[in-house]
Each structure stands twice: as structure tokens, then as C-alpha cells.
Amino acid sequence: MDSKSPRNASRDEAAEAEPRVPVARRTFLVNSALLAGAGLLSRPAAGQAQPSKAPTLASHPNLHLVAAHVLPTESLGANETRKAIDRFIAWADAFQPVAELDHPYLSTDEISYGPADPRPLWTAQLEALDLEADQRFDANFTTLKAEHQADIVRRTIDRTTRNMSRLPRPEYAPHIAIAIMAWYFRSSDANDLCYSARIGRHECRGMAGVDRKPRTLDRRSDRDPAKSDQVEDAR
């Protein structure tokens, strides 16, 4: 009679059926898991090229090119155009996703929230300009002639504004080109440029000087950097 019980026999059979992992391989797997957890396996060796990071909205080279095609650059000039783009980037970086919105307390007590961070979508759209440029002209968007860049931007705007009757708030813009326009043309700078006067529509000006006509807009800053500083100091 076999001295092993049926339970012990089944355990022995299972142990024999299970493939044995050599000690050296087992040690390698354990050490690899520890190294992966510490992030050492993914680090490039000394002298090895670092993986390139995807450009952000602020660093993407296509952002300035798109802005140049949708902003009134002839009226602004190069200096003020760069400032406008920098202010747009600062606004986008400071945007708070899904922020609680103001709501009318008398008509509803429901709290509404704003949109998610639009920058990932806008950055992807800047990348898409390169893809379209490659498909149509076998080149990057940055290397295209100005008229070809303008054609791509115009076609993109036409596609995304077919059912749009007015510019949305910039954070709700369906495309980066529309976002730049929506942000700029709502700004005090755009209002000043329209009336050629330092009105400061969205600025808190106080009561001093309300009886005087706003100063004429000085556009010499793009031609003379020294006068640009004087204009900024006089604001």
C-alpha cells in the first residue's frame, strides 16, 4: 500500500509538472524587476543620445507662423506681433482647466465648470499642419512658402468654422488658429488698435483723466526700439 495520501500525491504530481526555473534565471528576473522599478533600465548610457521631447504649445515652431497669418501683422508690426503671441502663451499657461464658472444665483443653483486644458489639442493641431504640408508639398510647415502656409491655415479655418456665426471664447476654440484670433480680438490691445487710441478697455484706469480724450496710439515702437521703451514706460 502506498504510504502517500491522495492529497500528497496530487501535490507531488503538480510540482513535477510545473517547469523549474533555474536559479540564475530567477535571480536575473528579480534583479531586472528591481532595476525597472528604480527606473535604471530606461536611462540611456553615458554618451547615448537623449530621447527627444515632443514640443509643447509654447515651444512649437508652427505657433508663431499660424499667428502671423491670423493676426493683423501689417498694423501691429513685428515687435507688437511677438508681444501678442507671448501674451497668448502666458494666458494659455495660466488657464485653469475645469474651473468653476460664475452663474446666476437667482435663476439656478447649479454650478457649471469650464472646459479641459485646450493646449494638448492645440499642440496636436500644430503637428497636423506639418502632416498636411508633408502630404501636399512634401515639406514641413515651417519651410513652406508664405502663400502655401496661408492656404493651409485658411483651409483649416474654413473646415472648423462652417457652423460658427461668431468667434467663441478662446478656451472653447475648436482650432489653435481660431483660439489666437478669439483671444487677440477680445483684448484691450486689439480695441486700442481699432480706434488708434490708448483706451485700455479691460484695464482698471480709475477716475483720474476720465474727462480727457484717450492718447493717440503710438506705433513707432516697431521702428525704434528705444522709443518702444518710452512708450511702455508712459503707460
C-alpha atoms as a PDB file:
ATOM      1  CA  MET A   1       0.000   0.000   0.000  1.00  0.00           C
ATOM      2  CA  ASP A   2       1.358   3.382  -0.941  1.00  0.00           C
ATOM      3  CA  SER A   3       2.313   5.439   2.100  1.00  0.00           C
ATOM      4  CA  LYS A   4       1.454   8.699   0.325  1.00  0.00           C
ATOM      5  CA  SER A   5      -2.045  10.034   0.778  1.00  0.00           C
ATOM      6  CA  PRO A   6      -4.023  11.051  -2.332  1.00  0.00           C
ATOM      7  CA  ARG A   7      -3.622  14.724  -1.340  1.00  0.00           C
ATOM      8  CA  ASN A   8       0.178  14.456  -1.038  1.00  0.00           C
ATOM      9  CA  ALA A   9       0.349  12.549  -4.309  1.00  0.00           C
ATOM     10  CA  SER A  10      -1.538  15.260  -6.187  1.00  0.00           C
ATOM     11  CA  ARG A  11       0.819  17.898  -4.787  1.00  0.00           C
ATOM     12  CA  ASP A  12       3.868  15.912  -5.875  1.00  0.00           C
ATOM     13  CA  GLU A  13       2.430  15.452  -9.375  1.00  0.00           C
ATOM     14  CA  ALA A  14       1.735  19.178  -9.678  1.00  0.00           C
ATOM     15  CA  ALA A  15       5.261  20.006  -8.542  1.00  0.00           C
ATOM     16  CA  GLU A  16       6.734  17.613 -11.102  1.00  0.00           C
ATOM     17  CA  ALA A  17       4.528  19.043 -13.871  1.00  0.00           C
ATOM     18  CA  GLU A  18       5.498  22.655 -13.070  1.00  0.00           C
ATOM     19  CA  PRO A  19       8.603  23.715 -15.021  1.00  0.00           C
ATOM     20  CA  ARG A  20      11.515  24.542 -12.795  1.00  0.00           C
ATOM     21  CA  VAL A  21      13.129  27.958 -13.270  1.00  0.00           C
ATOM     22  CA  PRO A  22      16.897  27.823 -12.985  1.00  0.00           C
ATOM     23  CA  VAL A  23      18.311  29.778 -10.071  1.00  0.00           C
ATOM     24  CA  ALA A  24      20.410  32.007 -12.325  1.00  0.00           C
ATOM     25  CA  ARG A  25      17.399  32.968 -14.472  1.00  0.00           C
ATOM     26  CA  ARG A  26      15.257  33.526 -11.404  1.00  0.00           C
ATOM     27  CA  THR A  27      17.869  35.848  -9.957  1.00  0.00           C
ATOM     28  CA  PHE A  28      18.044  37.748 -13.255  1.00  0.00           C
ATOM     29  CA  LEU A  29      14.287  38.258 -13.327  1.00  0.00           C
ATOM     30  CA  VAL A  30      14.221  39.525  -9.743  1.00  0.00           C
ATOM     31  CA  ASN A  31      17.094  41.919 -10.354  1.00  0.00           C
ATOM     32  CA  SER A  32      15.502  43.164 -13.582  1.00  0.00           C
ATOM     33  CA  ALA A  33      12.261  43.912 -11.772  1.00  0.00           C
ATOM     34  CA  LEU A  34      14.149  45.861  -9.115  1.00  0.00           C
ATOM     35  CA  LEU A  35      16.074  47.848 -11.723  1.00  0.00           C
ATOM     36  CA  ALA A  36      12.917  48.604 -13.689  1.00  0.00           C
ATOM     37  CA  GLY A  37      11.218  49.824 -10.547  1.00  0.00           C
ATOM     38  CA  ALA A  38      14.131  52.154  -9.898  1.00  0.00           C
ATOM     39  CA  GLY A  39      13.985  53.435 -13.475  1.00  0.00           C
ATOM     40  CA  LEU A  40      17.532  52.361 -14.251  1.00  0.00           C
ATOM     41  CA  LEU A  41      16.744  50.261 -17.293  1.00  0.00           C
ATOM     42  CA  SER A  42      15.151  53.147 -19.151  1.00  0.00           C
ATOM     43  CA  ARG A  43      18.041  55.540 -18.594  1.00  0.00           C
ATOM     44  CA  PRO A  44      20.354  55.994 -21.591  1.00  0.00           C
ATOM     45  CA  ALA A  45      24.001  55.206 -21.076  1.00  0.00           C
ATOM     46  CA  ALA A  46      26.622  57.935 -20.883  1.00  0.00           C
ATOM     47  CA  GLY A  47      27.145  59.466 -24.299  1.00  0.00           C
ATOM     48  CA  GLN A  48      23.918  57.981 -25.650  1.00  0.00           C
ATOM     49  CA  ALA A  49      21.528  60.428 -27.330  1.00  0.00           C
ATOM     50  CA  GLN A  50      18.686  61.560 -25.114  1.00  0.00           C
ATOM     51  CA  PRO A  51      15.164  60.860 -26.427  1.00  0.00           C
ATOM     52  CA  SER A  52      13.655  63.978 -27.972  1.00  0.00           C
ATOM     53  CA  LYS A  53      10.713  65.525 -26.193  1.00  0.00           C
ATOM     54  CA  ALA A  54       7.561  66.447 -28.062  1.00  0.00           C
ATOM     55  CA  PRO A  55       7.207  70.233 -28.413  1.00  0.00           C
ATOM     56  CA  THR A  56       4.748  71.998 -26.165  1.00  0.00           C
ATOM     57  CA  LEU A  57       2.337  74.667 -27.311  1.00  0.00           C
ATOM     58  CA  ALA A  58       4.729  77.433 -26.257  1.00  0.00           C
ATOM     59  CA  SER A  59       7.779  75.876 -27.921  1.00  0.00           C
ATOM     60  CA  HIS A  60       6.159  74.669 -31.129  1.00  0.00           C
ATOM     61  CA  PRO A  61       7.659  76.491 -34.125  1.00  0.00           C
ATOM     62  CA  ASN A  62       4.348  76.472 -36.001  1.00  0.00           C
ATOM     63  CA  LEU A  63       2.618  78.607 -33.369  1.00  0.00           C
ATOM     64  CA  HIS A  64       4.293  81.853 -34.430  1.00  0.00           C
ATOM     65  CA  LEU A  65       3.713  81.064 -38.097  1.00  0.00           C
ATOM     66  CA  VAL A  66      -0.002  80.473 -37.586  1.00  0.00           C
ATOM     67  CA  ALA A  67      -0.301  83.653 -35.525  1.00  0.00           C
ATOM     68  CA  ALA A  68       1.395  85.630 -38.289  1.00  0.00           C
ATOM     69  CA  HIS A  69      -1.367  84.533 -40.684  1.00  0.00           C
ATOM     70  CA  VAL A  70      -4.349  85.322 -38.431  1.00  0.00           C
ATOM     71  CA  LEU A  71      -3.233  88.494 -36.634  1.00  0.00           C
ATOM     72  CA  PRO A  72      -3.152  91.981 -38.210  1.00  0.00           C
ATOM     73  CA  THR A  73       0.623  91.875 -38.539  1.00  0.00           C
ATOM     74  CA  GLU A  74       0.808  94.755 -41.010  1.00  0.00           C
ATOM     75  CA  SER A  75      -0.824  97.069 -38.483  1.00  0.00           C
ATOM     76  CA  LEU A  76       0.949  95.598 -35.460  1.00  0.00           C
ATOM     77  CA  GLY A  77       4.426  95.239 -36.867  1.00  0.00           C
ATOM     78  CA  ALA A  78       6.904  92.523 -35.922  1.00  0.00           C
ATOM     79  CA  ASN A  79       7.570  93.745 -32.378  1.00  0.00           C
ATOM     80  CA  GLU A  80       3.938  94.004 -31.293  1.00  0.00           C
ATOM     81  CA  THR A  81       3.094  90.731 -33.021  1.00  0.00           C
ATOM     82  CA  ARG A  82       5.715  88.927 -30.937  1.00  0.00           C
ATOM     83  CA  LYS A  83       4.336  90.553 -27.794  1.00  0.00           C
ATOM     84  CA  ALA A  84       0.816  89.452 -28.687  1.00  0.00           C
ATOM     85  CA  ILE A  85       1.949  85.846 -29.156  1.00  0.00           C
ATOM     86  CA  ASP A  86       3.871  85.919 -25.865  1.00  0.00           C
ATOM     87  CA  ARG A  87       0.782  87.212 -24.056  1.00  0.00           C
ATOM     88  CA  PHE A  88      -1.353  84.494 -25.637  1.00  0.00           C
ATOM     89  CA  ILE A  89       1.109  81.842 -24.446  1.00  0.00           C
ATOM     90  CA  ALA A  90       1.087  83.352 -20.939  1.00  0.00           C
ATOM     91  CA  TRP A  91      -2.717  83.256 -20.917  1.00  0.00           C
ATOM     92  CA  ALA A  92      -2.778  79.617 -22.079  1.00  0.00           C
ATOM     93  CA  ASP A  93      -0.194  78.565 -19.483  1.00  0.00           C
ATOM     94  CA  ALA A  94      -2.182  80.265 -16.708  1.00  0.00           C
ATOM     95  CA  PHE A  95      -5.507  78.764 -17.815  1.00  0.00           C
ATOM     96  CA  GLN A  96      -7.194  76.736 -15.083  1.00  0.00           C
ATOM     97  CA  PRO A  97      -8.884  73.625 -16.507  1.00  0.00           C
ATOM     98  CA  VAL A  98     -12.422  72.731 -15.413  1.00  0.00           C
ATOM     99  CA  ALA A  99     -12.666  75.866 -13.300  1.00  0.00           C
ATOM    100  CA  GLU A 100     -15.902  76.737 -11.529  1.00  0.00           C
ATOM    101  CA  LEU A 101     -17.779  79.320 -13.589  1.00  0.00           C
ATOM    102  CA  ASP A 102     -19.859  82.254 -12.467  1.00  0.00           C
ATOM    103  CA  HIS A 103     -23.556  81.521 -12.545  1.00  0.00           C
ATOM    104  CA  PRO A 104     -26.766  83.480 -11.936  1.00  0.00           C
ATOM    105  CA  TYR A 105     -27.822  82.706  -8.363  1.00  0.00           C
ATOM    106  CA  LEU A 106     -31.373  83.991  -8.906  1.00  0.00           C
ATOM    107  CA  SER A 107     -32.232  81.619 -11.751  1.00  0.00           C
ATOM    108  CA  THR A 108     -30.324  78.468 -10.814  1.00  0.00           C
ATOM    109  CA  ASP A 109     -28.189  76.990  -8.078  1.00  0.00           C
ATOM    110  CA  GLU A 110     -26.415  74.578 -10.415  1.00  0.00           C
ATOM    111  CA  ILE A 111     -22.643  75.019 -10.585  1.00  0.00           C
ATOM    112  CA  SER A 112     -21.080  74.949 -14.049  1.00  0.00           C
ATOM    113  CA  TYR A 113     -17.482  74.227 -14.928  1.00  0.00           C
ATOM    114  CA  GLY A 114     -15.236  75.325 -17.747  1.00  0.00           C
ATOM    115  CA  PRO A 115     -13.513  73.205 -20.387  1.00  0.00           C
ATOM    116  CA  ALA A 116     -10.472  70.999 -20.002  1.00  0.00           C
ATOM    117  CA  ASP A 117      -6.964  72.190 -20.792  1.00  0.00           C
ATOM    118  CA  PRO A 118      -7.071  73.032 -24.529  1.00  0.00           C
ATOM    119  CA  ARG A 119      -3.286  73.055 -25.020  1.00  0.00           C
ATOM    120  CA  PRO A 120      -2.843  69.339 -25.856  1.00  0.00           C
ATOM    121  CA  LEU A 121      -5.449  69.624 -28.626  1.00  0.00           C
ATOM    122  CA  TRP A 122      -3.940  72.835 -29.980  1.00  0.00           C
ATOM    123  CA  THR A 123      -0.442  71.322 -29.917  1.00  0.00           C
ATOM    124  CA  ALA A 124      -1.696  68.301 -31.855  1.00  0.00           C
ATOM    125  CA  GLN A 125      -3.249  70.649 -34.404  1.00  0.00           C
ATOM    126  CA  LEU A 126       0.089  72.392 -34.865  1.00  0.00           C
ATOM    127  CA  GLU A 127       1.588  68.959 -35.527  1.00  0.00           C
ATOM    128  CA  ALA A 128      -1.187  68.283 -38.047  1.00  0.00           C
ATOM    129  CA  LEU A 129      -0.048  71.291 -40.071  1.00  0.00           C
ATOM    130  CA  ASP A 130       3.258  69.502 -40.639  1.00  0.00           C
ATOM    131  CA  LEU A 131       1.402  66.379 -41.742  1.00  0.00           C
ATOM    132  CA  GLU A 132      -0.714  68.289 -44.245  1.00  0.00           C
ATOM    133  CA  ALA A 133       2.336  70.164 -45.513  1.00  0.00           C
ATOM    134  CA  ASP A 134       4.120  66.862 -45.997  1.00  0.00           C
ATOM    135  CA  GLN A 135       1.156  65.327 -47.838  1.00  0.00           C
ATOM    136  CA  ARG A 136       0.605  68.285 -50.131  1.00  0.00           C
ATOM    137  CA  PHE A 137       4.061  69.783 -50.588  1.00  0.00           C
ATOM    138  CA  ASP A 138       6.482  67.130 -49.309  1.00  0.00           C
ATOM    139  CA  ALA A 139       7.894  69.586 -46.747  1.00  0.00           C
ATOM    140  CA  ASN A 140       7.473  70.786 -43.173  1.00  0.00           C
ATOM    141  CA  PHE A 141       5.080  73.636 -42.486  1.00  0.00           C
ATOM    142  CA  THR A 142       7.959  75.842 -41.352  1.00  0.00           C
ATOM    143  CA  THR A 143       9.763  75.516 -44.701  1.00  0.00           C
ATOM    144  CA  LEU A 144       6.773  76.269 -46.918  1.00  0.00           C
ATOM    145  CA  LYS A 145       6.369  79.497 -48.800  1.00  0.00           C
ATOM    146  CA  ALA A 146       4.170  82.035 -47.045  1.00  0.00           C
ATOM    147  CA  GLU A 147       1.355  81.632 -49.565  1.00  0.00           C
ATOM    148  CA  HIS A 148       1.287  77.875 -49.067  1.00  0.00           C
ATOM    149  CA  GLN A 149       1.234  78.288 -45.283  1.00  0.00           C
ATOM    150  CA  ALA A 150      -1.613  80.783 -45.631  1.00  0.00           C
ATOM    151  CA  ASP A 151      -3.541  78.353 -47.842  1.00  0.00           C
ATOM    152  CA  ILE A 152      -3.271  75.545 -45.275  1.00  0.00           C
ATOM    153  CA  VAL A 153      -4.322  77.841 -42.428  1.00  0.00           C
ATOM    154  CA  ARG A 154      -7.226  79.241 -44.450  1.00  0.00           C
ATOM    155  CA  ARG A 155      -8.467  75.771 -45.420  1.00  0.00           C
ATOM    156  CA  THR A 156      -8.243  74.671 -41.787  1.00  0.00           C
ATOM    157  CA  ILE A 157     -10.223  77.670 -40.575  1.00  0.00           C
ATOM    158  CA  ASP A 158     -12.869  77.114 -43.257  1.00  0.00           C
ATOM    159  CA  ARG A 159     -13.306  73.487 -42.164  1.00  0.00           C
ATOM    160  CA  THR A 160     -13.701  74.329 -38.478  1.00  0.00           C
ATOM    161  CA  THR A 161     -15.947  77.399 -38.790  1.00  0.00           C
ATOM    162  CA  ARG A 162     -18.659  76.152 -41.140  1.00  0.00           C
ATOM    163  CA  ASN A 163     -21.308  76.188 -38.406  1.00  0.00           C
ATOM    164  CA  MET A 164     -19.839  79.102 -36.467  1.00  0.00           C
ATOM    165  CA  SER A 165     -21.545  82.507 -36.516  1.00  0.00           C
ATOM    166  CA  ARG A 166     -19.085  84.347 -34.263  1.00  0.00           C
ATOM    167  CA  LEU A 167     -15.739  83.881 -32.587  1.00  0.00           C
ATOM    168  CA  PRO A 168     -16.043  81.794 -29.410  1.00  0.00           C
ATOM    169  CA  ARG A 169     -14.202  82.430 -26.197  1.00  0.00           C
ATOM    170  CA  PRO A 170     -10.603  81.338 -26.805  1.00  0.00           C
ATOM    171  CA  GLU A 171     -10.713  78.407 -24.389  1.00  0.00           C
ATOM    172  CA  TYR A 172     -13.619  76.937 -26.397  1.00  0.00           C
ATOM    173  CA  ALA A 173     -11.984  77.453 -29.800  1.00  0.00           C
ATOM    174  CA  PRO A 174     -12.019  74.284 -31.935  1.00  0.00           C
ATOM    175  CA  HIS A 175      -8.645  75.122 -33.504  1.00  0.00           C
ATOM    176  CA  ILE A 176      -5.478  76.919 -32.442  1.00  0.00           C
ATOM    177  CA  ALA A 177      -5.797  79.463 -35.273  1.00  0.00           C
ATOM    178  CA  ILE A 178      -9.274  80.405 -34.077  1.00  0.00           C
ATOM    179  CA  ALA A 179      -8.095  80.492 -30.463  1.00  0.00           C
ATOM    180  CA  ILE A 180      -5.407  83.045 -31.299  1.00  0.00           C
ATOM    181  CA  MET A 181      -7.919  85.235 -33.120  1.00  0.00           C
ATOM    182  CA  ALA A 182     -10.540  84.889 -30.396  1.00  0.00           C
ATOM    183  CA  TRP A 183      -8.031  85.788 -27.694  1.00  0.00           C
ATOM    184  CA  TYR A 184      -6.488  88.746 -29.503  1.00  0.00           C
ATOM    185  CA  PHE A 185      -9.612  90.409 -30.885  1.00  0.00           C
ATOM    186  CA  ARG A 186     -11.167  90.381 -27.398  1.00  0.00           C
ATOM    187  CA  SER A 187      -8.116  92.085 -25.909  1.00  0.00           C
ATOM    188  CA  SER A 188      -7.550  95.706 -24.961  1.00  0.00           C
ATOM    189  CA  ASP A 189      -4.701  95.873 -27.462  1.00  0.00           C
ATOM    190  CA  ALA A 190      -6.995  94.977 -30.352  1.00  0.00           C
ATOM    191  CA  ASN A 191      -9.521  97.571 -29.210  1.00  0.00           C
ATOM    192  CA  ASP A 192      -6.783 100.206 -28.987  1.00  0.00           C
ATOM    193  CA  LEU A 193      -5.530  99.294 -32.454  1.00  0.00           C
ATOM    194  CA  CYS A 194      -9.051  99.556 -33.876  1.00  0.00           C
ATOM    195  CA  TYR A 195      -9.537 103.113 -32.550  1.00  0.00           C
ATOM    196  CA  SER A 196      -5.858 104.142 -32.766  1.00  0.00           C
ATOM    197  CA  ALA A 197      -6.046 105.266 -29.154  1.00  0.00           C
ATOM    198  CA  ARG A 198      -4.872 104.121 -25.717  1.00  0.00           C
ATOM    199  CA  ILE A 199      -8.340 103.250 -24.396  1.00  0.00           C
ATOM    200  CA  GLY A 200      -7.432 100.283 -22.215  1.00  0.00           C
ATOM    201  CA  ARG A 201     -10.857  98.669 -22.434  1.00  0.00           C
ATOM    202  CA  HIS A 202     -10.139  95.862 -19.957  1.00  0.00           C
ATOM    203  CA  GLU A 203      -7.854  97.848 -17.677  1.00  0.00           C
ATOM    204  CA  CYS A 204      -8.778  99.392 -14.343  1.00  0.00           C
ATOM    205  CA  ARG A 205      -7.998 103.040 -15.032  1.00  0.00           C
ATOM    206  CA  GLY A 206      -9.639 104.775 -12.069  1.00  0.00           C
ATOM    207  CA  MET A 207     -11.381 108.118 -12.263  1.00  0.00           C
ATOM    208  CA  ALA A 208      -8.350 110.259 -12.996  1.00  0.00           C
ATOM    209  CA  GLY A 209      -8.389 111.551 -16.561  1.00  0.00           C
ATOM    210  CA  VAL A 210     -11.876 110.318 -17.485  1.00  0.00           C
ATOM    211  CA  ASP A 211     -12.650 113.818 -18.760  1.00  0.00           C
ATOM    212  CA  ARG A 212      -9.765 113.702 -21.228  1.00  0.00           C
ATOM    213  CA  LYS A 213      -9.651 112.058 -24.628  1.00  0.00           C
ATOM    214  CA  PRO A 214      -7.517 108.848 -24.747  1.00  0.00           C
ATOM    215  CA  ARG A 215      -3.999 109.365 -26.046  1.00  0.00           C
ATOM    216  CA  THR A 216      -3.318 108.563 -29.677  1.00  0.00           C
ATOM    217  CA  LEU A 217      -1.807 105.128 -30.179  1.00  0.00           C
ATOM    218  CA  ASP A 218       1.940 105.407 -30.775  1.00  0.00           C
ATOM    219  CA  ARG A 219       3.010 102.822 -33.356  1.00  0.00           C
ATOM    220  CA  ARG A 220       6.641 103.922 -33.569  1.00  0.00           C
ATOM    221  CA  SER A 221       7.759 101.127 -31.250  1.00  0.00           C
ATOM    222  CA  ASP A 222       8.334  98.700 -34.142  1.00  0.00           C
ATOM    223  CA  ARG A 223      10.576 101.159 -35.951  1.00  0.00           C
ATOM    224  CA  ASP A 224      12.549 102.452 -32.973  1.00  0.00           C
ATOM    225  CA  PRO A 225      13.265 100.062 -30.041  1.00  0.00           C
ATOM    226  CA  ALA A 226      14.389 102.998 -27.887  1.00  0.00           C
ATOM    227  CA  LYS A 227      11.013 104.670 -28.313  1.00  0.00           C
ATOM    228  CA  SER A 228       9.342 101.351 -27.573  1.00  0.00           C
ATOM    229  CA  ASP A 229      10.713 101.517 -24.020  1.00  0.00           C
ATOM    230  CA  GLN A 230       9.493 105.082 -23.688  1.00  0.00           C
ATOM    231  CA  VAL A 231       6.006 104.082 -24.793  1.00  0.00           C
ATOM    232  CA  GLU A 232       5.946 101.190 -22.327  1.00  0.00           C
ATOM    233  CA  ASP A 233       7.099 103.470 -19.502  1.00  0.00           C
ATOM    234  CA  ALA A 234       4.420 106.001 -20.316  1.00  0.00           C
ATOM    235  CA  ARG A 235       1.588 103.509 -19.999  1.00  0.00           C
END
